Amino acid sequence: MNEPRSRLARFASIAGLLVLGSVLGWLVAKHDWDPLPPIREQHDELARTGTVIIAIRNLAKLESVSFHLERVIDLKNRQSHLFGLLQGDDAILLVAAGDVIAGIDLTKMQDGDVTIDEKNHRAQLTLPPPELLSVRIDNDRTYVHSRKTDFFAQQQIELETRARQAAEESIRDAAISGGILNRARINAASTLTALVRSLGYDEVSVSWRGE
């Protein structure tokens, strides 16, 4: 008498598996064969890494100093699904190289910034403060070292763009922290002093606006 019940139980189990398979198949087809539900929450996590100043090159012009830097950008897009039950990372490791140039913009000089004492062969220069003239990522030397997308994450097409933007900002900050503006000030003063002395002025003094 237990055999009909056993058959009925097996039939119910098989029917349940078929229904479950149909539901899963419908969900996969509905999401274009993507087994993951829509992302409910995501945010980027940028790991702190060191910055190496590769070269410092003095330029005898208004662009008075150039820093070449390399930066490793470890950027993760952390994604959460199903109210935080499923989590995954879309991660990129970008090795970025770039150049930062600083100097002074002589077009910002004003009337009275140059005073000349012809009798005593003296010149006084008041210069605008040094500034960053350009920050550029070197695309030829910048490359993606690795890209990893977890099973429970969806690859973000724009993640490399965000990594490059983070690299540019990081390289700018690293150059400032490395003293590029102070070096630009010293080099600009030295270059302009030599130039004015070559015009026949024995004594040349340089000051900076706002100081």
C-alpha atoms as a PDB file:
ATOM      1  CA  MET A   1       0.000   0.000   0.000  1.00  0.00           C
ATOM      2  CA  ASN A   2       3.021   2.274   0.352  1.00  0.00           C
ATOM      3  CA  GLU A   3       4.012   1.847  -3.301  1.00  0.00           C
ATOM      4  CA  PRO A   4       1.383   4.286  -4.683  1.00  0.00           C
ATOM      5  CA  ARG A   5       2.438   6.866  -2.139  1.00  0.00           C
ATOM      6  CA  SER A   6       6.104   6.364  -3.066  1.00  0.00           C
ATOM      7  CA  ARG A   7       5.285   6.817  -6.734  1.00  0.00           C
ATOM      8  CA  LEU A   8       3.274   9.916  -5.934  1.00  0.00           C
ATOM      9  CA  ALA A   9       6.167  11.373  -3.914  1.00  0.00           C
ATOM     10  CA  ARG A  10       8.633  10.735  -6.753  1.00  0.00           C
ATOM     11  CA  PHE A  11       6.238  12.287  -9.236  1.00  0.00           C
ATOM     12  CA  ALA A  12       5.842  15.383  -7.031  1.00  0.00           C
ATOM     13  CA  SER A  13       9.655  15.730  -6.726  1.00  0.00           C
ATOM     14  CA  ILE A  14      10.162  15.469 -10.489  1.00  0.00           C
ATOM     15  CA  ALA A  15       7.353  17.942 -11.135  1.00  0.00           C
ATOM     16  CA  GLY A  16       8.890  20.377  -8.645  1.00  0.00           C
ATOM     17  CA  LEU A  17      12.296  20.143 -10.331  1.00  0.00           C
ATOM     18  CA  LEU A  18      10.726  20.773 -13.739  1.00  0.00           C
ATOM     19  CA  VAL A  19       8.887  23.832 -12.432  1.00  0.00           C
ATOM     20  CA  LEU A  20      12.080  25.168 -10.800  1.00  0.00           C
ATOM     21  CA  GLY A  21      14.032  24.597 -14.016  1.00  0.00           C
ATOM     22  CA  SER A  22      11.378  26.396 -16.032  1.00  0.00           C
ATOM     23  CA  VAL A  23      11.446  29.377 -13.670  1.00  0.00           C
ATOM     24  CA  LEU A  24      15.254  29.587 -13.786  1.00  0.00           C
ATOM     25  CA  GLY A  25      15.217  29.289 -17.572  1.00  0.00           C
ATOM     26  CA  TRP A  26      12.672  32.090 -17.815  1.00  0.00           C
ATOM     27  CA  LEU A  27      14.760  34.316 -15.539  1.00  0.00           C
ATOM     28  CA  VAL A  28      17.946  33.688 -17.541  1.00  0.00           C
ATOM     29  CA  ALA A  29      16.150  34.405 -20.833  1.00  0.00           C
ATOM     30  CA  LYS A  30      14.557  37.536 -19.428  1.00  0.00           C
ATOM     31  CA  HIS A  31      17.924  38.908 -18.327  1.00  0.00           C
ATOM     32  CA  ASP A  32      19.593  38.166 -21.675  1.00  0.00           C
ATOM     33  CA  TRP A  33      21.480  35.115 -20.346  1.00  0.00           C
ATOM     34  CA  ASP A  34      22.901  37.110 -17.432  1.00  0.00           C
ATOM     35  CA  PRO A  35      22.591  34.993 -14.228  1.00  0.00           C
ATOM     36  CA  LEU A  36      22.915  38.077 -12.016  1.00  0.00           C
ATOM     37  CA  PRO A  37      20.032  40.290 -10.920  1.00  0.00           C
ATOM     38  CA  PRO A  38      20.253  44.064 -11.510  1.00  0.00           C
ATOM     39  CA  ILE A  39      22.826  45.944  -9.424  1.00  0.00           C
ATOM     40  CA  ARG A  40      21.146  47.618  -6.472  1.00  0.00           C
ATOM     41  CA  GLU A  41      24.178  49.281  -4.972  1.00  0.00           C
ATOM     42  CA  GLN A  42      27.751  49.918  -6.106  1.00  0.00           C
ATOM     43  CA  HIS A  43      30.729  52.114  -5.251  1.00  0.00           C
ATOM     44  CA  ASP A  44      34.374  52.440  -6.252  1.00  0.00           C
ATOM     45  CA  GLU A  45      37.229  51.708  -3.859  1.00  0.00           C
ATOM     46  CA  LEU A  46      40.632  53.218  -4.711  1.00  0.00           C
ATOM     47  CA  ALA A  47      43.524  51.547  -2.895  1.00  0.00           C
ATOM     48  CA  ARG A  48      46.401  53.713  -1.666  1.00  0.00           C
ATOM     49  CA  THR A  49      49.633  53.002  -3.552  1.00  0.00           C
ATOM     50  CA  GLY A  50      53.005  54.695  -3.712  1.00  0.00           C
ATOM     51  CA  THR A  51      54.115  57.240  -6.317  1.00  0.00           C
ATOM     52  CA  VAL A  52      57.587  57.232  -7.869  1.00  0.00           C
ATOM     53  CA  ILE A  53      59.138  60.383  -9.356  1.00  0.00           C
ATOM     54  CA  ILE A  54      61.093  59.000 -12.321  1.00  0.00           C
ATOM     55  CA  ALA A  55      62.761  62.162 -13.596  1.00  0.00           C
ATOM     56  CA  ILE A  56      63.000  65.883 -12.943  1.00  0.00           C
ATOM     57  CA  ARG A  57      64.092  67.985 -15.900  1.00  0.00           C
ATOM     58  CA  ASN A  58      64.819  71.715 -15.780  1.00  0.00           C
ATOM     59  CA  LEU A  59      63.621  73.745 -18.755  1.00  0.00           C
ATOM     60  CA  ALA A  60      65.194  77.097 -19.644  1.00  0.00           C
ATOM     61  CA  LYS A  61      61.863  78.705 -20.553  1.00  0.00           C
ATOM     62  CA  LEU A  62      58.620  79.771 -18.936  1.00  0.00           C
ATOM     63  CA  GLU A  63      57.885  76.074 -18.480  1.00  0.00           C
ATOM     64  CA  SER A  64      60.632  75.984 -15.911  1.00  0.00           C
ATOM     65  CA  VAL A  65      60.351  72.415 -14.611  1.00  0.00           C
ATOM     66  CA  SER A  66      58.892  69.087 -15.672  1.00  0.00           C
ATOM     67  CA  PHE A  67      58.155  66.064 -13.498  1.00  0.00           C
ATOM     68  CA  HIS A  68      57.706  62.626 -14.995  1.00  0.00           C
ATOM     69  CA  LEU A  69      55.808  60.295 -12.685  1.00  0.00           C
ATOM     70  CA  GLU A  70      54.441  56.782 -12.646  1.00  0.00           C
ATOM     71  CA  ARG A  71      51.435  55.728 -10.615  1.00  0.00           C
ATOM     72  CA  VAL A  72      49.745  52.384  -9.993  1.00  0.00           C
ATOM     73  CA  ILE A  73      45.968  52.749  -9.756  1.00  0.00           C
ATOM     74  CA  ASP A  74      44.111  49.917  -8.033  1.00  0.00           C
ATOM     75  CA  LEU A  75      40.435  50.706  -8.598  1.00  0.00           C
ATOM     76  CA  LYS A  76      37.497  48.492  -7.634  1.00  0.00           C
ATOM     77  CA  ASN A  77      33.837  48.886  -8.379  1.00  0.00           C
ATOM     78  CA  ARG A  78      32.098  47.066  -5.508  1.00  0.00           C
ATOM     79  CA  GLN A  79      28.627  45.825  -6.406  1.00  0.00           C
ATOM     80  CA  SER A  80      25.825  44.545  -4.189  1.00  0.00           C
ATOM     81  CA  HIS A  81      22.832  42.462  -5.264  1.00  0.00           C
ATOM     82  CA  LEU A  82      19.735  41.152  -3.545  1.00  0.00           C
ATOM     83  CA  PHE A  83      19.896  43.615  -0.659  1.00  0.00           C
ATOM     84  CA  GLY A  84      23.545  42.868   0.053  1.00  0.00           C
ATOM     85  CA  LEU A  85      23.270  39.084   0.018  1.00  0.00           C
ATOM     86  CA  LEU A  86      25.466  38.838  -3.095  1.00  0.00           C
ATOM     87  CA  GLN A  87      28.564  41.005  -3.539  1.00  0.00           C
ATOM     88  CA  GLY A  88      31.338  41.185  -6.100  1.00  0.00           C
ATOM     89  CA  ASP A  89      34.068  43.451  -7.441  1.00  0.00           C
ATOM     90  CA  ASP A  90      34.889  44.665 -10.922  1.00  0.00           C
ATOM     91  CA  ALA A  91      38.571  45.584 -10.497  1.00  0.00           C
ATOM     92  CA  ILE A  92      41.302  47.122 -12.631  1.00  0.00           C
ATOM     93  CA  LEU A  93      45.017  47.589 -12.002  1.00  0.00           C
ATOM     94  CA  LEU A  94      46.310  50.432 -14.163  1.00  0.00           C
ATOM     95  CA  VAL A  95      49.981  51.376 -14.508  1.00  0.00           C
ATOM     96  CA  ALA A  96      49.919  55.054 -15.463  1.00  0.00           C
ATOM     97  CA  ALA A  97      52.727  57.348 -16.567  1.00  0.00           C
ATOM     98  CA  GLY A  98      52.390  61.079 -16.937  1.00  0.00           C
ATOM     99  CA  ASP A  99      54.121  64.442 -17.100  1.00  0.00           C
ATOM    100  CA  VAL A 100      53.453  67.554 -15.060  1.00  0.00           C
ATOM    101  CA  ILE A 101      54.920  70.875 -16.209  1.00  0.00           C
ATOM    102  CA  ALA A 102      55.089  73.972 -14.020  1.00  0.00           C
ATOM    103  CA  GLY A 103      56.370  77.467 -14.581  1.00  0.00           C
ATOM    104  CA  ILE A 104      55.206  81.047 -14.719  1.00  0.00           C
ATOM    105  CA  ASP A 105      52.815  82.785 -17.065  1.00  0.00           C
ATOM    106  CA  LEU A 106      54.486  86.053 -18.056  1.00  0.00           C
ATOM    107  CA  THR A 107      51.278  87.232 -19.696  1.00  0.00           C
ATOM    108  CA  LYS A 108      50.013  87.815 -16.151  1.00  0.00           C
ATOM    109  CA  MET A 109      52.662  90.469 -15.485  1.00  0.00           C
ATOM    110  CA  GLN A 110      51.266  93.936 -14.866  1.00  0.00           C
ATOM    111  CA  ASP A 111      52.446  97.515 -15.350  1.00  0.00           C
ATOM    112  CA  GLY A 112      55.141  98.296 -12.823  1.00  0.00           C
ATOM    113  CA  ASP A 113      56.270  94.690 -12.423  1.00  0.00           C
ATOM    114  CA  VAL A 114      59.546  95.607 -14.129  1.00  0.00           C
ATOM    115  CA  THR A 115      61.488  98.609 -12.859  1.00  0.00           C
ATOM    116  CA  ILE A 116      64.818  99.695 -14.337  1.00  0.00           C
ATOM    117  CA  ASP A 117      67.590 101.844 -12.866  1.00  0.00           C
ATOM    118  CA  GLU A 118      69.650 102.687 -15.929  1.00  0.00           C
ATOM    119  CA  LYS A 119      72.207 104.746 -14.023  1.00  0.00           C
ATOM    120  CA  ASN A 120      73.174 101.996 -11.591  1.00  0.00           C
ATOM    121  CA  HIS A 121      72.433  99.126 -14.003  1.00  0.00           C
ATOM    122  CA  ARG A 122      69.808  97.602 -11.737  1.00  0.00           C
ATOM    123  CA  ALA A 123      66.575  95.780 -12.551  1.00  0.00           C
ATOM    124  CA  GLN A 124      63.714  94.710 -10.318  1.00  0.00           C
ATOM    125  CA  LEU A 125      61.294  91.997 -11.467  1.00  0.00           C
ATOM    126  CA  THR A 126      57.999  91.151  -9.791  1.00  0.00           C
ATOM    127  CA  LEU A 127      56.752  87.844 -11.125  1.00  0.00           C
ATOM    128  CA  PRO A 128      53.382  86.093 -10.918  1.00  0.00           C
ATOM    129  CA  PRO A 129      53.380  82.991  -8.687  1.00  0.00           C
ATOM    130  CA  PRO A 130      54.366  79.669 -10.288  1.00  0.00           C
ATOM    131  CA  GLU A 131      51.587  77.355 -11.403  1.00  0.00           C
ATOM    132  CA  LEU A 132      50.945  74.031 -13.072  1.00  0.00           C
ATOM    133  CA  LEU A 133      50.900  74.618 -16.802  1.00  0.00           C
ATOM    134  CA  SER A 134      49.929  71.110 -17.885  1.00  0.00           C
ATOM    135  CA  VAL A 135      49.137  67.662 -16.504  1.00  0.00           C
ATOM    136  CA  ARG A 136      49.183  64.915 -19.120  1.00  0.00           C
ATOM    137  CA  ILE A 137      48.821  61.142 -19.059  1.00  0.00           C
ATOM    138  CA  ASP A 138      51.273  59.435 -21.418  1.00  0.00           C
ATOM    139  CA  ASN A 139      49.032  56.992 -23.278  1.00  0.00           C
ATOM    140  CA  ASP A 140      51.988  55.202 -24.886  1.00  0.00           C
ATOM    141  CA  ARG A 141      53.360  54.214 -21.462  1.00  0.00           C
ATOM    142  CA  THR A 142      50.046  53.741 -19.661  1.00  0.00           C
ATOM    143  CA  TYR A 143      48.521  50.282 -19.736  1.00  0.00           C
ATOM    144  CA  VAL A 144      46.104  47.963 -17.957  1.00  0.00           C
ATOM    145  CA  HIS A 145      48.123  45.465 -15.945  1.00  0.00           C
ATOM    146  CA  SER A 146      45.120  43.333 -14.991  1.00  0.00           C
ATOM    147  CA  ARG A 147      41.342  43.341 -15.087  1.00  0.00           C
ATOM    148  CA  LYS A 148      39.240  41.037 -12.907  1.00  0.00           C
ATOM    149  CA  THR A 149      35.479  40.738 -12.657  1.00  0.00           C
ATOM    150  CA  ASP A 150      34.039  38.516  -9.917  1.00  0.00           C
ATOM    151  CA  PHE A 151      31.252  36.039 -10.656  1.00  0.00           C
ATOM    152  CA  PHE A 152      28.693  38.175  -8.819  1.00  0.00           C
ATOM    153  CA  ALA A 153      29.774  41.408 -10.560  1.00  0.00           C
ATOM    154  CA  GLN A 154      29.067  43.013 -13.886  1.00  0.00           C
ATOM    155  CA  GLN A 155      31.944  44.521 -15.869  1.00  0.00           C
ATOM    156  CA  GLN A 156      31.773  48.306 -16.024  1.00  0.00           C
ATOM    157  CA  ILE A 157      32.855  49.607 -19.435  1.00  0.00           C
ATOM    158  CA  GLU A 158      33.846  53.020 -18.072  1.00  0.00           C
ATOM    159  CA  LEU A 159      36.014  51.670 -15.219  1.00  0.00           C
ATOM    160  CA  GLU A 160      39.256  52.186 -17.167  1.00  0.00           C
ATOM    161  CA  THR A 161      38.247  55.777 -17.926  1.00  0.00           C
ATOM    162  CA  ARG A 162      37.669  56.407 -14.231  1.00  0.00           C
ATOM    163  CA  ALA A 163      41.024  54.809 -13.434  1.00  0.00           C
ATOM    164  CA  ARG A 164      42.776  57.129 -15.898  1.00  0.00           C
ATOM    165  CA  GLN A 165      41.028  60.140 -14.382  1.00  0.00           C
ATOM    166  CA  ALA A 166      42.115  59.027 -10.926  1.00  0.00           C
ATOM    167  CA  ALA A 167      45.680  58.580 -12.232  1.00  0.00           C
ATOM    168  CA  GLU A 168      45.773  62.113 -13.636  1.00  0.00           C
ATOM    169  CA  GLU A 169      44.514  63.598 -10.375  1.00  0.00           C
ATOM    170  CA  SER A 170      46.952  61.469  -8.365  1.00  0.00           C
ATOM    171  CA  ILE A 171      49.908  62.474 -10.555  1.00  0.00           C
ATOM    172  CA  ARG A 172      48.967  66.151 -10.170  1.00  0.00           C
ATOM    173  CA  ASP A 173      48.791  65.842  -6.385  1.00  0.00           C
ATOM    174  CA  ALA A 174      52.054  63.883  -6.264  1.00  0.00           C
ATOM    175  CA  ALA A 175      53.880  66.556  -8.261  1.00  0.00           C
ATOM    176  CA  ILE A 176      52.646  69.279  -5.919  1.00  0.00           C
ATOM    177  CA  SER A 177      53.625  67.222  -2.879  1.00  0.00           C
ATOM    178  CA  GLY A 178      57.014  66.618  -4.487  1.00  0.00           C
ATOM    179  CA  GLY A 179      57.712  70.351  -4.582  1.00  0.00           C
ATOM    180  CA  ILE A 180      57.239  71.086  -8.266  1.00  0.00           C
ATOM    181  CA  LEU A 181      55.971  74.642  -7.650  1.00  0.00           C
ATOM    182  CA  ASN A 182      58.938  75.557  -5.476  1.00  0.00           C
ATOM    183  CA  ARG A 183      61.355  74.147  -8.048  1.00  0.00           C
ATOM    184  CA  ALA A 184      59.532  76.061 -10.781  1.00  0.00           C
ATOM    185  CA  ARG A 185      59.973  79.243  -8.743  1.00  0.00           C
ATOM    186  CA  ILE A 186      63.731  78.693  -8.323  1.00  0.00           C
ATOM    187  CA  ASN A 187      64.326  77.792 -11.963  1.00  0.00           C
ATOM    188  CA  ALA A 188      62.241  80.668 -13.324  1.00  0.00           C
ATOM    189  CA  ALA A 189      64.046  83.206 -11.144  1.00  0.00           C
ATOM    190  CA  SER A 190      67.432  81.828 -12.193  1.00  0.00           C
ATOM    191  CA  THR A 191      66.566  81.841 -15.897  1.00  0.00           C
ATOM    192  CA  LEU A 192      65.146  85.371 -15.954  1.00  0.00           C
ATOM    193  CA  THR A 193      67.987  86.725 -13.844  1.00  0.00           C
ATOM    194  CA  ALA A 194      70.520  85.371 -16.334  1.00  0.00           C
ATOM    195  CA  LEU A 195      68.503  86.790 -19.231  1.00  0.00           C
ATOM    196  CA  VAL A 196      68.285  90.307 -17.759  1.00  0.00           C
ATOM    197  CA  ARG A 197      71.971  90.318 -16.820  1.00  0.00           C
ATOM    198  CA  SER A 198      72.839  89.469 -20.408  1.00  0.00           C
ATOM    199  CA  LEU A 199      71.130  92.753 -21.366  1.00  0.00           C
ATOM    200  CA  GLY A 200      73.716  94.712 -19.367  1.00  0.00           C
ATOM    201  CA  TYR A 201      72.173  94.953 -15.886  1.00  0.00           C
ATOM    202  CA  ASP A 202      74.665  94.018 -13.208  1.00  0.00           C
ATOM    203  CA  GLU A 203      72.192  93.742 -10.361  1.00  0.00           C
ATOM    204  CA  VAL A 204      68.920  91.897 -10.801  1.00  0.00           C
ATOM    205  CA  SER A 205      66.453  91.196  -8.023  1.00  0.00           C
ATOM    206  CA  VAL A 206      63.359  89.011  -8.291  1.00  0.00           C
ATOM    207  CA  SER A 207      60.282  89.095  -6.074  1.00  0.00           C
ATOM    208  CA  TRP A 208      56.922  87.374  -6.288  1.00  0.00           C
ATOM    209  CA  ARG A 209      53.512  88.983  -6.372  1.00  0.00           C
ATOM    210  CA  GLY A 210      51.568  88.497  -3.175  1.00  0.00           C
ATOM    211  CA  GLU A 211      54.644  87.961  -0.999  1.00  0.00           C
END
